[in-house]
Amino acid sequence: MTITCDVAVLGGGTGGYAAAIRAAQLGKDVVIIEKDKLGGTCLHKGCIPSKSLLRSAELYAQMKDSESYGIATTGVELIFPKVQQRKEGIVDKLYSGLQGLMRKHKIRVIQGNGRVIGPSIFSPKSGAVAVELADGEMETIVPNHLIIATGSRPRILSGLEPDMTYILSSDEALTLEELPRSILIVGGGVIGVEWASMLHDFGVEVTLVEAASQILPAEDEDVAKELRKIFAARGIKILTDTTIIADSLVKGEGVAIRAEQKGQPIELQAEKLLLSIGRQANVEGLGLENTDIGLQQGFIRVNDHMQTTEPHIYAIGDCIGGLQLAHAASHEGIIAVHHLSGEPSHGYNPLHTPRCVYTRPEVASVGMTEKQARAKGHTLKIGKFPFQAIGKALVQGEKEGFVKLIADANTQDILGVHMIGAHVTELIGEATLAQVLDATPWEIGSTVHAHPTLAEIIGEAALAMDGRAIGL
């Protein structure tokens, strides 16, 4: 069977369905091809389920500390199966809502394995998609434009393949029926530190290993140092400049593995090992060899409008690399649809995309780090303000962290904003808007921020650039 349409989206994750909805809003006839469930990694194996677990862990930690708020509690008990049940309920509700959005926008969803085919009897150009359905039947989708949104999967080290018993990736960790007594987390990037924070709050003994010299290697050095200090104070063991020797793994009562820290051999042991060394693009088996689409370091190469080297084929989300974030994928999808539709479209700018880490406390940033800004030759002015000087932070009992603003001393352009503290993933929205609107530190500092709120810290950090902060 052959189906023609204006736009076909290969992959129904966050970027894919956002692109499909925007295309439908513009009057396009849209088909989504998805081999599993709509929502993709974010809804089923990433953002939503992990944040549900993180919220339960955070609340559990707060309840155990309730006496500091003048509330004595007894018998606080973690019932992990109910934590998992709550997570599944949230995912199911959002999944149902997403299916409703497809019906509302009259988007046809075809479940099956899609493979891009070259010029054929169906189309004189590449970009049609052959879909193998669950029953073994085949359908061919022939679109005017194709958007590839096939996402990514956890990167695996040879010798440390997940086995559901001793070795886990984030996918397997989400389905744990009971918590281990101890865990070794290999990789101190975003996924690694989130799992470290969560599992420690659940009462698991955590050792976090990172090959780079700091955890969160992509974030500002001051923020990474602060998070490490806070984690260490909570009892999370952190080893940086440490490389795991994968072929030394021994399984028994738990796992034992050798490592090197700055050239010195060490041995690590835990009940389980969680591998969190990043994600790799799902580009295999897609039929890209039937097209002129180019790859770069394992990712699909695109321009600022998400076009591949075949102009009628676009690619978005994790499969193109860059910031592998759900909101980045959604934005990229909308940019792609606007471009293929001839709508006014700005090119994608990763420096205007916020980055969020849902540890306790949270980390959020947008733009360049201090190190990146200096490497580009900027003369900097920096404003930094601590949460411990913000009344609302003290009221909430969450005074750790700070906000750091980086600006060009000559042009006054804001180059980056970096936050660590309670609820900073909500506060980063103001900083992102300031970046997009080219606001100056003076303009942010002159903006009236309600009192008492955590948001006051953004204005204070901006004022601190010129020594005019009120609260210090």
Protein backbone atom coordinates (compact mmCIF):
# COMPACT_ATOMS: atom_id res chain seq x y z
CA MET A 1 0.00 0.00 0.00
CA THR A 2 1.30 3.48 -0.86
CA ILE A 3 0.45 6.59 1.15
CA THR A 4 1.30 10.07 -0.12
CA CYS A 5 1.55 13.07 2.20
CA ASP A 6 3.07 16.52 2.52
CA VAL A 7 5.33 15.69 5.45
CA ALA A 8 6.45 12.36 6.87
CA VAL A 9 8.21 12.22 10.23
CA LEU A 10 10.38 9.19 10.90
CA GLY A 11 10.32 8.91 14.68
CA GLY A 12 7.57 9.96 17.07
CA GLY A 13 9.62 11.28 19.99
CA THR A 14 9.44 14.80 21.39
CA GLY A 15 11.01 16.44 18.35
CA GLY A 16 9.09 14.28 15.90
CA TYR A 17 5.63 14.87 17.31
CA ALA A 18 6.29 18.59 17.84
CA ALA A 19 7.27 18.89 14.17
CA ALA A 20 4.21 16.89 13.12
CA ILE A 21 1.83 19.06 15.13
CA ARG A 22 3.33 22.29 13.80
CA ALA A 23 3.11 20.98 10.23
CA ALA A 24 -0.53 20.01 10.75
CA GLN A 25 -1.24 23.49 12.16
CA LEU A 26 0.13 24.89 8.90
CA GLY A 27 -2.35 22.80 6.92
CA LYS A 28 0.00 19.98 5.95
CA ASP A 29 -1.05 16.36 5.55
CA VAL A 30 1.25 14.60 8.04
CA VAL A 31 2.27 11.00 8.74
CA ILE A 32 4.39 9.85 11.69
CA ILE A 33 6.23 6.53 11.47
CA GLU A 34 7.14 5.17 14.90
CA LYS A 35 8.48 1.69 15.66
CA ASP A 36 7.52 1.74 19.34
CA LYS A 37 5.40 4.24 21.27
CA LEU A 38 4.70 7.89 20.58
CA GLY A 39 6.69 10.07 22.93
CA GLY A 40 9.98 8.28 22.38
CA THR A 41 12.82 8.27 24.88
CA CYS A 42 11.75 11.44 26.70
CA LEU A 43 8.30 10.18 27.64
CA HIS A 44 9.03 6.49 28.15
CA LYS A 45 12.72 6.11 29.03
CA GLY A 46 14.10 9.54 29.82
CA CYS A 47 12.86 12.96 30.91
CA ILE A 48 9.47 12.16 32.37
CA PRO A 49 10.06 8.84 34.19
CA SER A 50 13.45 9.93 35.55
CA LYS A 51 12.07 13.26 36.81
CA SER A 52 9.21 11.43 38.49
CA LEU A 53 11.74 9.28 40.36
CA LEU A 54 13.84 12.34 41.18
CA ARG A 55 10.81 14.09 42.67
CA SER A 56 10.02 11.10 44.89
CA ALA A 57 13.66 10.95 46.00
CA GLU A 58 13.70 14.67 46.75
CA LEU A 59 10.50 14.49 48.79
CA TYR A 60 11.79 11.47 50.72
CA ALA A 61 14.96 13.38 51.62
CA GLN A 62 12.96 16.44 52.68
CA MET A 63 10.62 14.37 54.85
CA LYS A 64 13.58 12.83 56.67
CA ASP A 65 14.82 16.38 57.29
CA SER A 66 11.44 17.75 58.38
CA GLU A 67 12.59 18.45 61.94
CA SER A 68 14.70 21.33 60.63
CA TYR A 69 11.38 22.96 59.70
CA GLY A 70 9.96 22.33 63.17
CA ILE A 71 7.96 19.27 62.14
CA ALA A 72 8.74 16.00 63.90
CA THR A 73 7.96 12.88 61.88
CA THR A 74 8.23 9.21 62.69
CA GLY A 75 7.99 6.11 60.57
CA VAL A 76 8.88 7.74 57.24
CA GLU A 77 9.17 4.76 54.94
CA LEU A 78 10.15 4.44 51.30
CA ILE A 79 7.86 2.06 49.38
CA PHE A 80 9.76 1.77 46.12
CA PRO A 81 7.13 -0.21 44.18
CA LYS A 82 4.71 2.67 44.78
CA VAL A 83 7.36 5.12 43.57
CA GLN A 84 7.52 3.12 40.34
CA GLN A 85 3.73 2.91 40.19
CA ARG A 86 3.45 6.69 40.43
CA LYS A 87 6.03 7.07 37.65
CA GLU A 88 4.11 4.72 35.36
CA GLY A 89 0.86 6.55 36.06
CA ILE A 90 2.38 9.87 34.98
CA VAL A 91 3.81 8.33 31.80
CA ASP A 92 0.48 6.67 30.95
CA LYS A 93 -1.45 9.92 31.42
CA LEU A 94 0.91 11.88 29.19
CA TYR A 95 0.93 9.11 26.60
CA SER A 96 -2.86 9.16 26.46
CA GLY A 97 -2.80 12.93 26.05
CA LEU A 98 -0.29 12.67 23.23
CA GLN A 99 -2.47 10.18 21.37
CA GLY A 100 -5.33 12.65 21.75
CA LEU A 101 -3.21 15.39 20.18
CA MET A 102 -2.60 13.17 17.16
CA ARG A 103 -6.34 12.69 16.71
CA LYS A 104 -7.03 16.40 17.25
CA HIS A 105 -4.59 17.41 14.51
CA LYS A 106 -5.57 14.53 12.20
CA ILE A 107 -2.02 13.18 12.13
CA ARG A 108 -1.81 9.62 10.92
CA VAL A 109 0.48 7.42 13.03
CA ILE A 110 1.89 4.26 11.47
CA GLN A 111 3.58 1.82 13.83
CA GLY A 112 6.43 -0.07 12.26
CA ASN A 113 10.08 -0.05 11.28
CA GLY A 114 10.76 2.63 8.69
CA ARG A 115 13.60 2.61 6.19
CA VAL A 116 14.38 5.42 3.75
CA ILE A 117 14.50 4.27 0.14
CA GLY A 118 16.16 5.80 -2.88
CA PRO A 119 14.54 6.82 -6.19
CA SER A 120 12.06 4.17 -7.23
CA ILE A 121 8.74 3.56 -8.93
CA PHE A 122 7.15 5.33 -5.97
CA SER A 123 9.14 8.55 -6.22
CA PRO A 124 11.79 9.96 -8.60
CA LYS A 125 13.82 11.17 -5.61
CA SER A 126 14.97 9.58 -2.38
CA GLY A 127 13.00 10.18 0.79
CA ALA A 128 10.12 7.73 0.52
CA VAL A 129 9.91 5.41 3.55
CA ALA A 130 9.25 1.68 3.41
CA VAL A 131 7.55 0.61 6.63
CA GLU A 132 7.46 -2.96 7.90
CA LEU A 133 4.34 -3.35 10.03
CA ALA A 134 3.98 -5.65 13.03
CA ASP A 135 2.07 -8.22 10.96
CA GLY A 136 4.87 -8.38 8.39
CA GLU A 137 2.99 -6.35 5.78
CA MET A 138 4.67 -3.40 4.08
CA GLU A 139 3.52 0.15 3.48
CA THR A 140 5.33 2.84 1.52
CA ILE A 141 5.06 6.47 2.59
CA VAL A 142 5.84 8.99 -0.17
CA PRO A 143 6.16 12.52 1.26
CA ASN A 144 7.08 15.82 -0.31
CA HIS A 145 9.37 16.36 2.68
CA LEU A 146 10.82 13.90 5.18
CA ILE A 147 11.94 14.76 8.72
CA ILE A 148 14.21 12.18 10.38
CA ALA A 149 13.79 12.20 14.16
CA THR A 150 15.05 8.78 15.21
CA GLY A 151 16.64 9.85 18.48
CA SER A 152 19.41 8.08 20.36
CA ARG A 153 20.16 5.26 22.77
CA PRO A 154 22.55 4.84 25.71
CA ARG A 155 26.17 4.47 24.64
CA ILE A 156 27.64 1.13 25.74
CA LEU A 157 31.22 0.11 26.51
CA SER A 158 32.42 -3.22 25.18
CA GLY A 159 32.60 -5.57 28.14
CA LEU A 160 30.01 -3.59 30.10
CA GLU A 161 26.87 -4.50 28.18
CA PRO A 162 23.69 -4.20 30.29
CA ASP A 163 22.50 -7.56 31.66
CA MET A 164 19.66 -6.39 33.99
CA THR A 165 21.41 -8.05 36.94
CA TYR A 166 24.80 -6.43 37.44
CA ILE A 167 25.17 -3.88 34.62
CA LEU A 168 22.51 -1.26 33.85
CA SER A 169 22.05 1.62 31.46
CA SER A 170 19.55 4.34 32.31
CA ASP A 171 16.93 2.34 30.38
CA GLU A 172 17.25 -0.68 32.67
CA ALA A 173 17.65 1.43 35.82
CA LEU A 174 14.20 2.94 35.26
CA THR A 175 12.62 -0.50 35.62
CA LEU A 176 14.33 -1.56 38.86
CA GLU A 177 11.90 -3.41 41.13
CA GLU A 178 14.05 -2.88 44.20
CA LEU A 179 16.95 -0.61 45.06
CA PRO A 180 20.50 -1.94 45.38
CA ARG A 181 22.49 -1.34 48.55
CA SER A 182 25.30 0.25 46.56
CA ILE A 183 25.97 1.34 42.99
CA LEU A 184 28.93 2.42 40.90
CA ILE A 185 27.95 5.04 38.32
CA VAL A 186 30.36 5.30 35.39
CA GLY A 187 30.03 8.74 33.80
CA GLY A 188 29.55 12.06 35.56
CA GLY A 189 27.64 13.91 32.88
CA VAL A 190 23.99 14.96 33.15
CA ILE A 191 22.54 11.45 33.34
CA GLY A 192 25.17 10.23 35.78
CA VAL A 193 24.81 13.06 38.28
CA GLU A 194 20.99 12.89 38.17
CA TRP A 195 21.07 9.18 39.00
CA ALA A 196 23.70 9.79 41.69
CA SER A 197 21.52 12.43 43.36
CA MET A 198 18.37 10.33 43.08
CA LEU A 199 19.77 7.04 44.29
CA HIS A 200 21.61 8.63 47.19
CA ASP A 201 18.38 10.31 48.30
CA PHE A 202 16.73 6.88 48.15
CA GLY A 203 19.39 5.57 50.54
CA VAL A 204 21.75 3.86 48.09
CA GLU A 205 25.52 4.10 48.63
CA VAL A 206 26.78 5.88 45.49
CA THR A 207 30.22 6.10 43.90
CA LEU A 208 30.41 8.35 40.83
CA VAL A 209 33.31 7.95 38.38
CA GLU A 210 34.17 10.50 35.69
CA ALA A 211 37.10 10.39 33.25
CA ALA A 212 37.30 14.20 32.94
CA SER A 213 38.70 16.50 35.60
CA GLN A 214 35.23 17.68 36.65
CA ILE A 215 31.74 16.28 36.84
CA LEU A 216 29.36 17.91 34.37
CA PRO A 217 32.26 18.49 31.93
CA ALA A 218 30.13 20.63 29.61
CA GLU A 219 29.09 23.07 32.34
CA ASP A 220 30.80 26.06 33.92
CA GLU A 221 33.70 25.08 36.16
CA ASP A 222 32.37 27.04 39.16
CA VAL A 223 29.03 25.24 38.95
CA ALA A 224 30.68 21.82 38.65
CA LYS A 225 32.87 22.53 41.68
CA GLU A 226 29.85 23.62 43.72
CA LEU A 227 27.86 20.51 42.82
CA ARG A 228 30.80 18.29 43.69
CA LYS A 229 31.16 20.01 47.08
CA ILE A 230 27.45 19.58 47.82
CA PHE A 231 27.44 15.94 46.70
CA ALA A 232 30.49 15.18 48.83
CA ALA A 233 28.85 16.78 51.87
CA ARG A 234 25.84 14.52 51.35
CA GLY A 235 28.06 11.44 51.26
CA ILE A 236 28.31 10.73 47.52
CA LYS A 237 31.79 9.50 46.66
CA ILE A 238 33.16 11.20 43.53
CA LEU A 239 36.23 10.12 41.55
CA THR A 240 37.32 12.38 38.68
CA ASP A 241 40.28 11.86 36.33
CA THR A 242 39.37 8.17 36.61
CA THR A 243 39.11 5.67 33.77
CA ILE A 244 37.37 2.31 34.08
CA ILE A 245 39.15 -0.76 32.69
CA ALA A 246 36.13 -2.49 31.19
CA ASP A 247 37.68 -5.92 30.59
CA SER A 248 38.58 -6.22 34.29
CA LEU A 249 34.95 -6.61 35.37
CA VAL A 250 34.26 -9.46 37.78
CA LYS A 251 30.70 -10.47 38.67
CA GLY A 252 29.83 -12.31 41.88
CA GLU A 253 28.11 -10.99 44.98
CA GLY A 254 28.09 -7.74 43.07
CA VAL A 255 30.60 -6.20 40.67
CA ALA A 256 34.29 -5.48 41.05
CA ILE A 257 36.27 -3.57 38.46
CA ARG A 258 39.69 -2.00 38.15
CA ALA A 259 40.25 1.63 37.24
CA GLU A 260 43.05 4.17 36.92
CA GLN A 261 42.95 7.51 38.67
CA LYS A 262 45.63 9.84 37.34
CA GLY A 263 47.64 6.78 36.38
CA GLN A 264 47.28 5.06 39.73
CA PRO A 265 45.44 1.70 39.86
CA ILE A 266 42.38 1.41 42.09
CA GLU A 267 39.65 -1.20 42.53
CA LEU A 268 35.97 -0.39 42.83
CA GLN A 269 33.15 -2.56 44.12
CA ALA A 270 29.37 -2.22 44.33
CA GLU A 271 26.23 -4.30 44.08
CA LYS A 272 25.43 -2.87 40.63
CA LEU A 273 27.07 -0.75 37.96
CA LEU A 274 25.21 1.97 36.04
CA LEU A 275 26.76 3.00 32.73
CA SER A 276 26.03 6.64 31.83
CA ILE A 277 28.67 7.66 29.28
CA GLY A 278 26.40 9.54 26.89
CA ARG A 279 24.11 8.59 24.04
CA GLN A 280 24.66 7.57 20.42
CA ALA A 281 22.48 8.40 17.43
CA ASN A 282 20.00 5.90 16.02
CA VAL A 283 21.16 6.05 12.42
CA GLU A 284 21.80 2.39 11.65
CA GLY A 285 19.30 0.49 9.52
CA LEU A 286 17.54 3.66 8.35
CA GLY A 287 18.55 3.31 4.72
CA LEU A 288 20.67 6.45 4.76
CA GLU A 289 22.99 4.74 2.28
CA ASN A 290 20.13 5.07 -0.22
CA THR A 291 20.46 8.86 -0.02
CA ASP A 292 23.16 11.50 -0.23
CA ILE A 293 22.71 12.36 3.46
CA GLY A 294 26.05 12.96 5.15
CA LEU A 295 27.17 11.83 8.60
CA GLN A 296 29.65 13.50 10.92
CA GLN A 297 31.07 11.61 13.91
CA GLY A 298 28.11 9.25 13.83
CA PHE A 299 25.44 11.97 13.62
CA ILE A 300 23.39 13.25 10.66
CA ARG A 301 24.87 16.49 9.33
CA VAL A 302 22.41 19.40 8.97
CA ASN A 303 22.50 23.16 8.43
CA ASP A 304 20.98 25.83 10.70
CA HIS A 305 17.52 25.09 9.27
CA MET A 306 17.87 21.34 9.93
CA GLN A 307 18.28 20.46 6.24
CA THR A 308 20.46 17.49 5.41
CA THR A 309 22.59 17.39 2.27
CA GLU A 310 19.36 16.35 0.49
CA PRO A 311 17.35 19.61 0.68
CA HIS A 312 13.92 17.96 0.92
CA ILE A 313 15.05 15.77 3.85
CA TYR A 314 15.50 17.26 7.30
CA ALA A 315 16.82 15.78 10.55
CA ILE A 316 16.27 16.89 14.14
CA GLY A 317 16.90 15.85 17.72
CA ASP A 318 19.44 13.46 19.17
CA CYS A 319 20.26 11.89 15.81
CA ILE A 320 22.00 15.14 14.74
CA GLY A 321 24.06 15.47 17.95
CA GLY A 322 24.59 18.85 19.56
CA LEU A 323 22.44 19.47 22.63
CA GLN A 324 20.65 16.15 23.08
CA LEU A 325 17.72 17.65 24.95
CA ALA A 326 13.99 17.18 24.44
CA HIS A 327 13.25 20.90 24.23
CA ALA A 328 16.09 21.35 21.75
CA ALA A 329 14.59 18.61 19.56
CA SER A 330 11.15 20.25 19.68
CA HIS A 331 12.57 23.62 18.71
CA GLU A 332 14.59 22.07 15.90
CA GLY A 333 11.46 20.33 14.63
CA ILE A 334 9.52 23.58 14.50
CA ILE A 335 12.40 25.33 12.71
CA ALA A 336 12.50 22.52 10.13
CA VAL A 337 8.75 22.71 9.49
CA HIS A 338 8.79 26.48 9.14
CA HIS A 339 11.65 26.25 6.66
CA LEU A 340 10.12 23.54 4.48
CA SER A 341 6.81 25.44 4.54
CA GLY A 342 8.36 28.73 3.47
CA GLU A 343 7.43 30.36 6.78
CA PRO A 344 9.70 33.01 8.33
CA SER A 345 12.36 31.01 10.11
CA HIS A 346 15.45 31.86 12.11
CA GLY A 347 18.34 29.45 12.14
CA TYR A 348 18.93 27.30 15.20
CA ASN A 349 21.25 28.85 17.80
CA PRO A 350 22.42 26.44 20.51
CA LEU A 351 23.55 29.39 22.65
CA HIS A 352 19.87 30.31 23.08
CA THR A 353 18.92 26.82 24.29
CA PRO A 354 18.83 26.29 28.08
CA ARG A 355 20.47 23.25 29.64
CA CYS A 356 18.94 21.74 32.77
CA VAL A 357 20.17 19.13 35.26
CA TYR A 358 17.61 17.86 37.79
CA THR A 359 19.90 17.00 40.67
CA ARG A 360 19.39 18.22 44.24
CA PRO A 361 20.14 21.10 43.99
CA GLU A 362 19.34 21.72 40.33
CA VAL A 363 21.72 23.08 37.71
CA ALA A 364 20.67 25.26 34.77
CA SER A 365 22.55 27.30 32.21
CA VAL A 366 22.33 29.05 28.87
CA GLY A 367 25.05 30.37 26.61
CA MET A 368 28.81 30.06 27.00
CA THR A 369 30.77 29.01 30.05
CA GLU A 370 33.43 31.36 31.38
CA LYS A 371 36.14 29.17 29.88
CA GLN A 372 34.46 29.15 26.45
CA ALA A 373 33.95 32.92 26.49
CA ARG A 374 37.59 33.59 27.34
CA ALA A 375 38.72 31.15 24.64
CA LYS A 376 36.76 33.22 22.10
CA GLY A 377 38.67 36.34 23.11
CA HIS A 378 36.00 38.16 25.11
CA THR A 379 36.96 40.54 27.87
CA LEU A 380 34.59 39.56 30.63
CA LYS A 381 32.66 41.09 33.45
CA ILE A 382 31.12 38.60 35.86
CA GLY A 383 28.39 38.95 38.44
CA LYS A 384 27.83 36.25 41.05
CA PHE A 385 25.29 36.11 43.85
CA PRO A 386 24.66 33.35 46.45
CA PHE A 387 21.27 31.89 47.34
CA GLN A 388 22.15 32.16 51.03
CA ALA A 389 21.62 35.93 50.69
CA ILE A 390 18.13 35.47 49.23
CA GLY A 391 15.30 35.53 51.78
CA LYS A 392 13.04 33.07 49.95
CA ALA A 393 15.88 30.53 49.77
CA LEU A 394 16.29 30.68 53.54
CA VAL A 395 12.52 30.42 54.05
CA GLN A 396 12.45 27.28 51.92
CA GLY A 397 15.50 25.82 53.66
CA GLU A 398 17.37 25.58 50.33
CA LYS A 399 20.24 28.04 50.53
CA GLU A 400 22.91 26.17 48.57
CA GLY A 401 24.24 27.48 45.28
CA PHE A 402 24.49 30.71 43.32
CA VAL A 403 23.75 32.47 40.04
CA LYS A 404 26.62 33.59 37.81
CA LEU A 405 26.21 36.00 34.88
CA ILE A 406 28.93 36.44 32.26
CA ALA A 407 28.95 39.45 29.92
CA ASP A 408 31.30 41.07 27.45
CA ALA A 409 32.83 44.06 29.20
CA ASN A 410 32.97 46.12 25.99
CA THR A 411 29.61 45.38 24.34
CA GLN A 412 27.61 44.53 27.49
CA ASP A 413 26.24 41.45 25.68
CA ILE A 414 25.29 38.63 28.02
CA LEU A 415 27.37 35.61 27.01
CA GLY A 416 26.19 33.05 29.54
CA VAL A 417 24.13 32.52 32.68
CA HIS A 418 24.90 29.66 35.07
CA MET A 419 22.84 28.61 38.06
CA ILE A 420 22.98 26.00 40.78
CA GLY A 421 20.32 25.94 43.45
CA ALA A 422 16.72 25.12 44.23
CA HIS A 423 14.30 25.40 41.28
CA VAL A 424 16.85 26.98 38.93
CA THR A 425 15.43 24.95 36.04
CA GLU A 426 12.40 27.23 36.38
CA LEU A 427 14.49 30.41 36.79
CA ILE A 428 16.53 29.80 33.64
CA GLY A 429 13.60 30.95 31.50
CA GLU A 430 14.24 34.61 32.35
CA ALA A 431 17.92 34.26 31.52
CA THR A 432 17.13 32.57 28.21
CA LEU A 433 14.72 35.33 27.24
CA ALA A 434 17.38 37.89 28.12
CA GLN A 435 19.78 36.11 25.77
CA VAL A 436 17.27 36.05 22.91
CA LEU A 437 16.37 39.72 23.37
CA ASP A 438 20.01 40.81 23.76
CA ALA A 439 19.27 42.30 27.16
CA THR A 440 22.14 43.94 29.01
CA PRO A 441 23.05 43.32 32.66
CA TRP A 442 21.82 46.84 33.43
CA GLU A 443 18.39 46.01 31.97
CA ILE A 444 18.13 42.79 33.97
CA GLY A 445 19.27 44.56 37.14
CA SER A 446 16.74 47.35 36.57
CA THR A 447 13.86 44.88 36.18
CA VAL A 448 11.66 44.78 39.29
CA HIS A 449 11.75 41.28 40.79
CA ALA A 450 9.06 40.44 43.34
CA HIS A 451 10.10 39.94 46.96
CA PRO A 452 10.48 37.44 48.47
CA THR A 453 11.16 35.20 45.49
CA LEU A 454 14.05 33.08 44.30
CA ALA A 455 14.00 35.08 41.04
CA GLU A 456 15.45 38.10 42.87
CA ILE A 457 18.83 36.41 42.58
CA ILE A 458 18.96 37.03 38.82
CA GLY A 459 18.62 40.78 39.26
CA GLU A 460 21.14 40.76 42.11
CA ALA A 461 23.69 38.81 40.05
CA ALA A 462 23.30 41.32 37.21
CA LEU A 463 23.81 44.24 39.60
CA ALA A 464 26.82 42.48 41.13
CA MET A 465 28.66 42.86 37.82
CA ASP A 466 29.16 46.55 38.65
CA GLY A 467 29.33 46.19 42.42
CA ARG A 468 25.74 47.42 42.83
CA ALA A 469 24.07 44.32 44.33
CA ILE A 470 21.74 45.34 47.16
CA GLY A 471 21.88 42.12 49.17
CA LEU A 472 25.66 41.89 49.64
